[in-house]
């Protein structure tokens, strides 16, 4: 019994986030948003913000998307963070994020991605992953054995009077960085939405389905 408890304790220490020894804090504007996060790595990387693009959902809702990338200078690691601002509030609960992450990983070449509900930035979120087993998958963007992680949440999600949980802004992340790096980035990620999309002071910001934060969750497994 003592051995089992000790092993579980050691596992918890590995999974839980401690203050990164080499974390570089990044903060700056991405379109109308202010974004900040920590990069727990000593490798060199480049952060690039791209011009916005506009389109429309299948339901006819117009949106504007703002993309940012973080690319390693010496290794084949990259991250894309996409911020989307819709013209009207969209469903922002865990189920909505589940579909976003699932479709993102399927489109990237996953067969059966792993999906886990964890909060990000104080909001209901979903994190998913899969690992490539064959080099030809992913249309040449990945190599065999690469771990691909995706996440989604709505930084301005809140409860509306009709009981629905909605937001006008969603944040999506997909990355091939090692898990320790992307885990700490997601744990420290904060997106400040435009002032007009923030909840009034007298409106509830409570998220109904938040579980353990990503740095304390022992359910995320890397296959």
Protein backbone atom coordinates (compact mmCIF):
# COMPACT_ATOMS: atom_id res chain seq x y z
CA UNK A 1 0.00 0.00 0.00
CA UNK A 2 2.81 2.42 0.90
CA UNK A 3 4.49 1.74 -2.42
CA UNK A 4 1.26 2.46 -4.33
CA UNK A 5 0.75 5.73 -2.46
CA UNK A 6 4.35 6.76 -3.10
CA UNK A 7 4.03 6.00 -6.84
CA UNK A 8 0.79 8.00 -7.03
CA UNK A 9 2.46 10.89 -5.23
CA UNK A 10 5.40 10.86 -7.63
CA UNK A 11 2.97 10.82 -10.57
CA UNK A 12 1.15 13.82 -9.13
CA UNK A 13 4.44 15.69 -8.82
CA UNK A 14 5.21 15.00 -12.47
CA UNK A 15 1.77 16.07 -13.68
CA UNK A 16 1.40 19.17 -11.53
CA UNK A 17 2.89 22.41 -12.73
CA UNK A 18 5.69 24.03 -10.78
CA UNK A 19 7.00 27.46 -11.60
CA UNK A 20 8.93 26.98 -14.88
CA UNK A 21 12.63 27.56 -14.39
CA UNK A 22 13.17 28.95 -17.90
CA UNK A 23 9.74 30.44 -18.66
CA UNK A 24 9.71 33.40 -21.02
CA UNK A 25 6.65 35.61 -20.60
CA UNK A 26 5.07 36.75 -23.85
CA UNK A 27 2.42 39.48 -23.99
CA UNK A 28 1.07 41.71 -26.73
CA UNK A 29 -1.83 42.56 -29.04
CA UNK A 30 -3.34 40.12 -31.52
CA UNK A 31 -5.91 42.16 -33.39
CA UNK A 32 -8.34 43.63 -30.81
CA UNK A 33 -7.16 41.15 -28.14
CA UNK A 34 -4.38 41.33 -25.58
CA UNK A 35 -2.75 37.89 -25.26
CA UNK A 36 -0.25 36.66 -22.70
CA UNK A 37 1.34 33.29 -21.93
CA UNK A 38 4.57 31.67 -20.73
CA UNK A 39 6.91 29.59 -22.89
CA UNK A 40 8.58 27.03 -20.63
CA UNK A 41 11.57 26.41 -22.89
CA UNK A 42 15.16 27.47 -23.48
CA UNK A 43 14.92 26.99 -27.27
CA UNK A 44 14.74 30.01 -29.54
CA UNK A 45 11.41 30.74 -31.17
CA UNK A 46 9.64 33.41 -33.21
CA UNK A 47 6.19 34.86 -32.49
CA UNK A 48 4.35 36.15 -35.57
CA UNK A 49 0.96 37.90 -35.73
CA UNK A 50 -0.86 37.78 -39.08
CA UNK A 51 -3.42 40.12 -40.68
CA UNK A 52 -7.07 39.22 -39.97
CA UNK A 53 -9.29 37.22 -42.30
CA UNK A 54 -13.08 37.11 -42.46
CA UNK A 55 -15.56 34.39 -43.33
CA UNK A 56 -18.92 32.94 -42.34
CA UNK A 57 -20.02 29.87 -40.38
CA UNK A 58 -22.25 27.17 -41.88
CA UNK A 59 -25.13 28.83 -40.02
CA UNK A 60 -24.45 32.15 -41.73
CA UNK A 61 -22.79 33.94 -38.80
CA UNK A 62 -20.05 36.33 -39.91
CA UNK A 63 -16.72 36.28 -38.11
CA UNK A 64 -13.20 37.74 -38.19
CA UNK A 65 -10.19 35.56 -37.33
CA UNK A 66 -6.81 36.66 -36.00
CA UNK A 67 -3.90 34.19 -36.13
CA UNK A 68 -0.62 34.08 -34.23
CA UNK A 69 2.15 31.49 -34.57
CA UNK A 70 5.06 30.45 -32.35
CA UNK A 71 7.73 28.63 -34.35
CA UNK A 72 10.90 27.04 -33.02
CA UNK A 73 14.11 28.27 -34.63
CA UNK A 74 15.98 24.96 -34.37
CA UNK A 75 13.37 22.21 -34.08
CA UNK A 76 10.27 21.23 -36.10
CA UNK A 77 7.93 22.56 -33.40
CA UNK A 78 5.19 25.08 -34.04
CA UNK A 79 2.03 26.45 -32.50
CA UNK A 80 -0.94 28.25 -34.01
CA UNK A 81 -3.27 30.34 -31.84
CA UNK A 82 -6.44 31.47 -33.60
CA UNK A 83 -8.80 34.04 -32.10
CA UNK A 84 -12.24 34.33 -33.70
CA UNK A 85 -14.72 37.14 -33.09
CA UNK A 86 -18.30 36.36 -34.12
CA UNK A 87 -20.96 38.94 -34.87
CA UNK A 88 -23.27 37.30 -32.32
CA UNK A 89 -22.81 35.12 -29.21
CA UNK A 90 -22.14 31.43 -29.87
CA UNK A 91 -22.57 28.37 -27.63
CA UNK A 92 -19.41 28.27 -25.49
CA UNK A 93 -19.83 25.25 -23.20
CA UNK A 94 -17.65 22.14 -22.99
CA UNK A 95 -19.66 20.34 -25.68
CA UNK A 96 -19.04 23.15 -28.19
CA UNK A 97 -15.31 23.11 -27.41
CA UNK A 98 -15.29 19.31 -27.70
CA UNK A 99 -16.54 19.52 -31.28
CA UNK A 100 -14.00 22.22 -32.16
CA UNK A 101 -11.04 20.22 -30.83
CA UNK A 102 -12.28 16.92 -32.24
CA UNK A 103 -12.73 18.34 -35.76
CA UNK A 104 -9.38 20.16 -35.57
CA UNK A 105 -7.51 16.94 -34.74
CA UNK A 106 -9.45 14.86 -37.28
CA UNK A 107 -8.61 17.43 -39.97
CA UNK A 108 -4.96 17.19 -38.90
CA UNK A 109 -4.87 13.43 -39.49
CA UNK A 110 -6.04 11.88 -36.21
CA UNK A 111 -7.98 8.63 -36.22
CA UNK A 112 -9.27 8.54 -32.63
CA UNK A 113 -8.04 11.61 -30.72
CA UNK A 114 -8.07 11.75 -26.92
CA UNK A 115 -10.25 14.56 -25.52
CA UNK A 116 -10.29 15.94 -21.96
CA UNK A 117 -12.39 18.70 -20.34
CA UNK A 118 -10.14 21.08 -18.38
CA UNK A 119 -10.48 24.81 -17.68
CA UNK A 120 -8.24 27.34 -19.43
CA UNK A 121 -8.14 30.99 -18.46
CA UNK A 122 -10.97 30.38 -15.98
CA UNK A 123 -13.31 29.06 -18.67
CA UNK A 124 -14.64 25.63 -19.71
CA UNK A 125 -12.21 24.20 -22.24
CA UNK A 126 -11.27 20.98 -23.98
CA UNK A 127 -7.74 19.72 -24.66
CA UNK A 128 -7.09 16.88 -27.10
CA UNK A 129 -4.08 15.01 -28.44
CA UNK A 130 -2.92 12.22 -30.69
CA UNK A 131 0.39 10.88 -31.93
CA UNK A 132 1.25 10.06 -35.53
CA UNK A 133 2.10 6.45 -36.19
CA UNK A 134 2.82 6.79 -39.91
CA UNK A 135 4.95 9.51 -41.40
CA UNK A 136 2.71 10.13 -44.42
CA UNK A 137 -0.18 11.31 -42.26
CA UNK A 138 -0.92 14.99 -41.87
CA UNK A 139 -0.18 15.88 -45.51
CA UNK A 140 3.55 16.15 -44.81
CA UNK A 141 3.19 18.64 -41.96
CA UNK A 142 4.23 16.13 -39.28
CA UNK A 143 6.71 13.34 -38.73
CA UNK A 144 6.11 9.87 -37.37
CA UNK A 145 5.76 9.94 -33.59
CA UNK A 146 4.88 13.64 -33.39
CA UNK A 147 2.49 14.55 -30.60
CA UNK A 148 -0.20 16.98 -31.73
CA UNK A 149 -2.15 18.89 -29.05
CA UNK A 150 -5.22 21.06 -29.64
CA UNK A 151 -7.35 23.14 -27.28
CA UNK A 152 -10.38 25.42 -27.47
CA UNK A 153 -12.29 27.75 -25.16
CA UNK A 154 -14.24 31.04 -25.17
CA UNK A 155 -12.44 33.76 -23.13
CA UNK A 156 -15.68 35.75 -22.73
CA UNK A 157 -18.01 32.82 -22.08
CA UNK A 158 -20.78 33.55 -19.57
CA UNK A 159 -24.24 32.49 -18.52
CA UNK A 160 -27.10 34.29 -20.30
CA UNK A 161 -30.59 34.91 -18.93
CA UNK A 162 -32.00 32.00 -20.95
CA UNK A 163 -29.59 29.63 -19.17
CA UNK A 164 -27.26 29.13 -22.14
CA UNK A 165 -23.49 29.54 -21.85
CA UNK A 166 -22.28 31.70 -24.74
CA UNK A 167 -19.42 33.88 -25.96
CA UNK A 168 -18.57 36.03 -28.96
CA UNK A 169 -14.87 35.17 -28.98
CA UNK A 170 -13.24 31.77 -29.20
CA UNK A 171 -9.60 30.82 -28.80
CA UNK A 172 -8.16 27.75 -30.54
CA UNK A 173 -4.66 26.33 -30.19
CA UNK A 174 -2.90 23.53 -32.07
CA UNK A 175 0.73 22.65 -31.50
CA UNK A 176 3.51 20.09 -31.99
CA UNK A 177 5.63 21.40 -29.11
CA UNK A 178 6.50 18.86 -26.37
CA UNK A 179 3.74 18.39 -23.81
CA UNK A 180 5.61 20.13 -20.98
CA UNK A 181 5.78 23.31 -23.06
CA UNK A 182 2.23 23.37 -24.40
CA UNK A 183 0.83 22.35 -20.99
CA UNK A 184 2.44 25.34 -19.27
CA UNK A 185 1.45 27.65 -22.12
CA UNK A 186 -2.21 26.63 -21.79
CA UNK A 187 -2.06 26.95 -18.00
CA UNK A 188 -0.75 30.54 -18.22
CA UNK A 189 -2.70 31.60 -21.33
CA UNK A 190 -4.85 34.70 -20.88
CA UNK A 191 -6.87 36.48 -23.55
CA UNK A 192 -8.35 39.89 -22.83
CA UNK A 193 -11.32 40.40 -25.15
CA UNK A 194 -12.50 43.78 -26.52
CA UNK A 195 -14.19 45.97 -23.89
CA UNK A 196 -17.61 45.76 -25.54
CA UNK A 197 -17.59 41.95 -25.22
CA UNK A 198 -16.82 41.85 -21.50
CA UNK A 199 -19.58 40.90 -19.09
CA UNK A 200 -21.23 43.71 -17.09
CA UNK A 201 -20.07 43.85 -13.48
CA UNK A 202 -23.48 42.66 -12.26
CA UNK A 203 -23.61 39.65 -14.63
CA UNK A 204 -22.51 36.19 -13.54
CA UNK A 205 -19.27 34.86 -14.98
CA UNK A 206 -19.68 31.46 -13.37
CA UNK A 207 -18.74 28.55 -15.58
CA UNK A 208 -21.00 25.56 -14.88
CA UNK A 209 -18.71 22.70 -15.91
CA UNK A 210 -15.16 23.58 -14.86
CA UNK A 211 -13.15 20.72 -13.34
CA UNK A 212 -9.51 20.68 -12.26
CA UNK A 213 -7.08 23.12 -13.94
CA UNK A 214 -4.81 21.67 -16.57
CA UNK A 215 -1.71 21.68 -14.35
CA UNK A 216 -3.50 19.65 -11.65
CA UNK A 217 -5.33 17.22 -13.91
CA UNK A 218 -4.17 13.62 -13.86
CA UNK A 219 -6.64 12.51 -16.55
CA UNK A 220 -4.68 13.77 -19.55
CA UNK A 221 -2.71 10.89 -20.98
CA UNK A 222 -0.18 11.05 -23.78
CA UNK A 223 -0.37 8.04 -26.02
